[in-house]
Amino acid sequence: NLFILGVDVPVELRSHEMVASKGNLYTIGNRFSSINKDIYKFACTNSITNCSWTKIPTQLQYGRFSTVAMPIPNALANKLCN
């Protein structure tokens, strides 16, 4: 078997963006306005078979859908945000 099924995302995703950063996968934004500020993180602990999605405490200030997301270095984020 070449594929291993993982755990389902806890919400329906539409017009979202996924981005990988430091070994984790994040889903950002959503077409549904009730959850388009939420960020979910997919992470594995010790094994590819021990993975889960969690809603992280940080939220987007403004809800987004059909957006573009990419990881940037902390130095650039600090420069842009300070």
N, C-alpha and C. Protein backbone atom coordinates (compact mmCIF):
# COMPACT_ATOMS: atom_id res chain seq x y z
N ASN A 1 0.85 -1.17 0.00
CA ASN A 1 0.00 0.00 0.00
C ASN A 1 0.90 1.25 0.00
N LEU A 2 0.72 2.11 -0.97
CA LEU A 2 1.55 3.31 -1.10
C LEU A 2 1.00 4.50 -0.32
N PHE A 3 -0.25 4.45 0.08
CA PHE A 3 -0.88 5.59 0.73
C PHE A 3 -1.29 5.25 2.15
N ILE A 4 -1.16 6.22 3.02
CA ILE A 4 -1.65 6.10 4.39
C ILE A 4 -2.68 7.20 4.58
N LEU A 5 -3.90 6.83 4.92
CA LEU A 5 -4.93 7.83 5.15
C LEU A 5 -4.67 8.50 6.49
N GLY A 6 -4.79 9.80 6.50
CA GLY A 6 -4.59 10.56 7.73
C GLY A 6 -5.91 10.95 8.36
N VAL A 7 -5.84 11.79 9.34
CA VAL A 7 -7.04 12.27 10.03
C VAL A 7 -7.70 13.37 9.22
N ASP A 8 -9.00 13.46 9.31
CA ASP A 8 -9.75 14.48 8.59
C ASP A 8 -9.54 15.85 9.23
N VAL A 9 -9.59 16.87 8.40
CA VAL A 9 -9.57 18.25 8.88
C VAL A 9 -10.88 18.47 9.65
N PRO A 10 -10.85 19.18 10.79
CA PRO A 10 -12.05 19.31 11.63
C PRO A 10 -13.14 20.22 11.06
N VAL A 11 -12.86 20.94 9.98
CA VAL A 11 -13.86 21.83 9.37
C VAL A 11 -13.84 21.62 7.86
N GLU A 12 -14.93 22.00 7.20
CA GLU A 12 -14.95 21.94 5.74
C GLU A 12 -14.10 23.08 5.19
N LEU A 13 -13.25 22.78 4.25
CA LEU A 13 -12.35 23.78 3.68
C LEU A 13 -12.78 24.12 2.25
N ARG A 14 -12.85 25.41 1.99
CA ARG A 14 -13.12 25.91 0.64
C ARG A 14 -12.36 27.22 0.47
N SER A 15 -11.74 27.37 -0.66
CA SER A 15 -11.01 28.61 -1.01
C SER A 15 -10.01 28.99 0.08
N HIS A 16 -9.35 28.00 0.63
CA HIS A 16 -8.35 28.19 1.68
C HIS A 16 -6.95 28.08 1.06
N GLU A 17 -5.96 28.31 1.87
CA GLU A 17 -4.57 28.15 1.45
C GLU A 17 -3.88 27.26 2.46
N MET A 18 -2.98 26.42 1.98
CA MET A 18 -2.15 25.61 2.87
C MET A 18 -0.71 26.00 2.67
N VAL A 19 0.04 26.03 3.77
CA VAL A 19 1.45 26.38 3.70
C VAL A 19 2.20 25.54 4.72
N ALA A 20 3.38 25.07 4.34
CA ALA A 20 4.22 24.28 5.24
C ALA A 20 5.27 25.18 5.86
N SER A 21 5.55 24.95 7.14
CA SER A 21 6.57 25.71 7.84
C SER A 21 7.09 24.90 9.02
N LYS A 22 8.39 24.72 9.08
CA LYS A 22 9.06 24.02 10.18
C LYS A 22 8.42 22.68 10.52
N GLY A 23 8.17 21.88 9.50
CA GLY A 23 7.67 20.53 9.73
C GLY A 23 6.19 20.43 9.99
N ASN A 24 5.47 21.53 9.95
CA ASN A 24 4.03 21.52 10.15
C ASN A 24 3.33 22.02 8.89
N LEU A 25 2.04 21.75 8.81
CA LEU A 25 1.23 22.22 7.71
C LEU A 25 0.12 23.07 8.30
N TYR A 26 -0.12 24.23 7.70
CA TYR A 26 -1.15 25.14 8.20
C TYR A 26 -2.18 25.38 7.10
N THR A 27 -3.44 25.48 7.49
CA THR A 27 -4.48 25.91 6.57
C THR A 27 -4.98 27.26 7.05
N ILE A 28 -5.07 28.19 6.11
CA ILE A 28 -5.35 29.58 6.43
C ILE A 28 -6.52 30.06 5.59
N GLY A 29 -7.50 30.70 6.24
CA GLY A 29 -8.64 31.25 5.54
C GLY A 29 -9.65 30.20 5.13
N ASN A 30 -10.82 30.68 4.66
CA ASN A 30 -11.89 29.78 4.27
C ASN A 30 -12.99 30.60 3.61
N ARG A 31 -13.71 29.99 2.70
CA ARG A 31 -14.84 30.66 2.05
C ARG A 31 -15.95 30.96 3.05
N PHE A 32 -16.09 30.12 4.08
CA PHE A 32 -17.14 30.30 5.08
C PHE A 32 -16.75 31.40 6.06
N SER A 33 -17.52 32.48 6.09
CA SER A 33 -17.15 33.65 6.89
C SER A 33 -17.11 33.37 8.39
N SER A 34 -17.82 32.37 8.86
CA SER A 34 -17.83 32.07 10.29
C SER A 34 -16.50 31.49 10.77
N ILE A 35 -15.68 30.99 9.84
CA ILE A 35 -14.40 30.38 10.24
C ILE A 35 -13.23 30.86 9.39
N ASN A 36 -13.38 31.97 8.66
CA ASN A 36 -12.31 32.38 7.74
C ASN A 36 -11.16 33.14 8.41
N LYS A 37 -11.23 33.32 9.73
CA LYS A 37 -10.11 33.90 10.47
C LYS A 37 -9.28 32.81 11.16
N ASP A 38 -9.79 31.60 11.17
CA ASP A 38 -9.16 30.50 11.89
C ASP A 38 -7.95 29.93 11.15
N ILE A 39 -6.99 29.46 11.92
CA ILE A 39 -5.80 28.81 11.38
C ILE A 39 -5.71 27.43 12.03
N TYR A 40 -5.59 26.41 11.20
CA TYR A 40 -5.45 25.04 11.69
C TYR A 40 -4.06 24.52 11.36
N LYS A 41 -3.51 23.78 12.31
CA LYS A 41 -2.16 23.23 12.16
C LYS A 41 -2.24 21.71 12.13
N PHE A 42 -1.54 21.12 11.16
CA PHE A 42 -1.41 19.67 11.07
C PHE A 42 0.00 19.31 11.50
N ALA A 43 0.12 18.47 12.50
CA ALA A 43 1.44 18.10 13.01
C ALA A 43 1.43 16.63 13.41
N CYS A 44 2.59 16.02 13.30
CA CYS A 44 2.78 14.62 13.69
C CYS A 44 3.72 14.56 14.89
N THR A 45 3.46 13.62 15.78
CA THR A 45 4.28 13.43 16.96
C THR A 45 4.94 12.06 16.90
N ASN A 46 6.24 12.03 16.78
CA ASN A 46 7.04 10.81 16.81
C ASN A 46 6.85 9.85 15.64
N SER A 47 5.76 9.99 14.88
CA SER A 47 5.49 9.02 13.83
C SER A 47 4.51 9.61 12.82
N ILE A 48 4.62 9.19 11.59
CA ILE A 48 3.69 9.63 10.55
C ILE A 48 2.28 9.11 10.81
N THR A 49 2.14 8.11 11.65
CA THR A 49 0.83 7.57 11.98
C THR A 49 0.21 8.21 13.22
N ASN A 50 0.91 9.16 13.83
CA ASN A 50 0.40 9.84 15.02
C ASN A 50 0.30 11.34 14.72
N CYS A 51 -0.69 11.70 13.91
CA CYS A 51 -0.84 13.08 13.46
C CYS A 51 -2.21 13.62 13.82
N SER A 52 -2.32 14.94 13.91
CA SER A 52 -3.62 15.55 14.22
C SER A 52 -3.69 16.98 13.71
N TRP A 53 -4.90 17.46 13.53
CA TRP A 53 -5.19 18.85 13.21
C TRP A 53 -5.62 19.54 14.50
N THR A 54 -5.12 20.74 14.73
CA THR A 54 -5.57 21.53 15.87
C THR A 54 -5.78 22.98 15.43
N LYS A 55 -6.79 23.60 15.99
CA LYS A 55 -7.01 25.03 15.75
C LYS A 55 -6.06 25.77 16.66
N ILE A 56 -5.23 26.65 16.10
CA ILE A 56 -4.28 27.37 16.94
C ILE A 56 -4.93 28.63 17.49
N PRO A 57 -4.44 29.15 18.61
CA PRO A 57 -5.05 30.33 19.23
C PRO A 57 -4.97 31.60 18.37
N THR A 58 -3.92 31.71 17.56
CA THR A 58 -3.77 32.89 16.70
C THR A 58 -4.83 32.88 15.61
N GLN A 59 -5.43 34.03 15.37
CA GLN A 59 -6.40 34.17 14.29
C GLN A 59 -5.97 35.30 13.36
N LEU A 60 -6.47 35.25 12.14
CA LEU A 60 -6.24 36.36 11.21
C LEU A 60 -7.04 37.57 11.69
N GLN A 61 -6.50 38.75 11.52
CA GLN A 61 -7.22 39.95 11.92
C GLN A 61 -8.46 40.15 11.04
N TYR A 62 -8.30 39.87 9.77
CA TYR A 62 -9.40 39.98 8.81
C TYR A 62 -9.58 38.63 8.13
N GLY A 63 -10.81 38.18 8.02
CA GLY A 63 -11.09 36.91 7.37
C GLY A 63 -10.60 36.92 5.93
N ARG A 64 -10.15 35.78 5.46
CA ARG A 64 -9.59 35.67 4.11
C ARG A 64 -10.14 34.44 3.41
N PHE A 65 -10.21 34.52 2.08
CA PHE A 65 -10.43 33.34 1.24
C PHE A 65 -9.79 33.62 -0.11
N SER A 66 -9.43 32.54 -0.79
CA SER A 66 -8.74 32.63 -2.08
C SER A 66 -7.53 33.54 -2.00
N THR A 67 -6.76 33.38 -0.96
CA THR A 67 -5.57 34.20 -0.74
C THR A 67 -4.32 33.40 -1.04
N VAL A 68 -3.18 34.01 -0.91
CA VAL A 68 -1.89 33.34 -1.09
C VAL A 68 -1.15 33.42 0.23
N ALA A 69 -0.57 32.31 0.67
CA ALA A 69 0.21 32.28 1.90
C ALA A 69 1.56 31.66 1.63
N MET A 70 2.59 32.16 2.29
CA MET A 70 3.92 31.59 2.14
C MET A 70 4.72 31.86 3.41
N PRO A 71 5.60 30.97 3.77
CA PRO A 71 6.44 31.22 4.94
C PRO A 71 7.49 32.29 4.60
N ILE A 72 7.77 33.15 5.59
CA ILE A 72 8.84 34.13 5.45
C ILE A 72 9.72 34.05 6.69
N PRO A 73 10.98 34.47 6.60
CA PRO A 73 11.86 34.43 7.78
C PRO A 73 11.38 35.38 8.87
N ASN A 74 11.68 35.05 10.12
CA ASN A 74 11.30 35.91 11.24
C ASN A 74 11.86 37.32 11.09
N ALA A 75 13.06 37.44 10.56
CA ALA A 75 13.67 38.77 10.39
C ALA A 75 12.81 39.65 9.48
N LEU A 76 12.27 39.08 8.42
CA LEU A 76 11.42 39.85 7.52
C LEU A 76 10.09 40.17 8.19
N ALA A 77 9.52 39.22 8.89
CA ALA A 77 8.26 39.48 9.60
C ALA A 77 8.45 40.59 10.62
N ASN A 78 9.54 40.57 11.36
CA ASN A 78 9.81 41.62 12.35
C ASN A 78 9.96 42.98 11.66
N LYS A 79 10.63 43.00 10.55
CA LYS A 79 10.82 44.25 9.80
C LYS A 79 9.48 44.81 9.30
N LEU A 80 8.62 43.94 8.80
CA LEU A 80 7.35 44.38 8.25
C LEU A 80 6.34 44.76 9.32
N CYS A 81 6.42 44.09 10.47
CA CYS A 81 5.39 44.26 11.51
C CYS A 81 5.77 45.25 12.60
N ASN A 82 7.00 45.67 12.66
CA ASN A 82 7.42 46.60 13.72
C ASN A 82 7.63 47.99 13.18
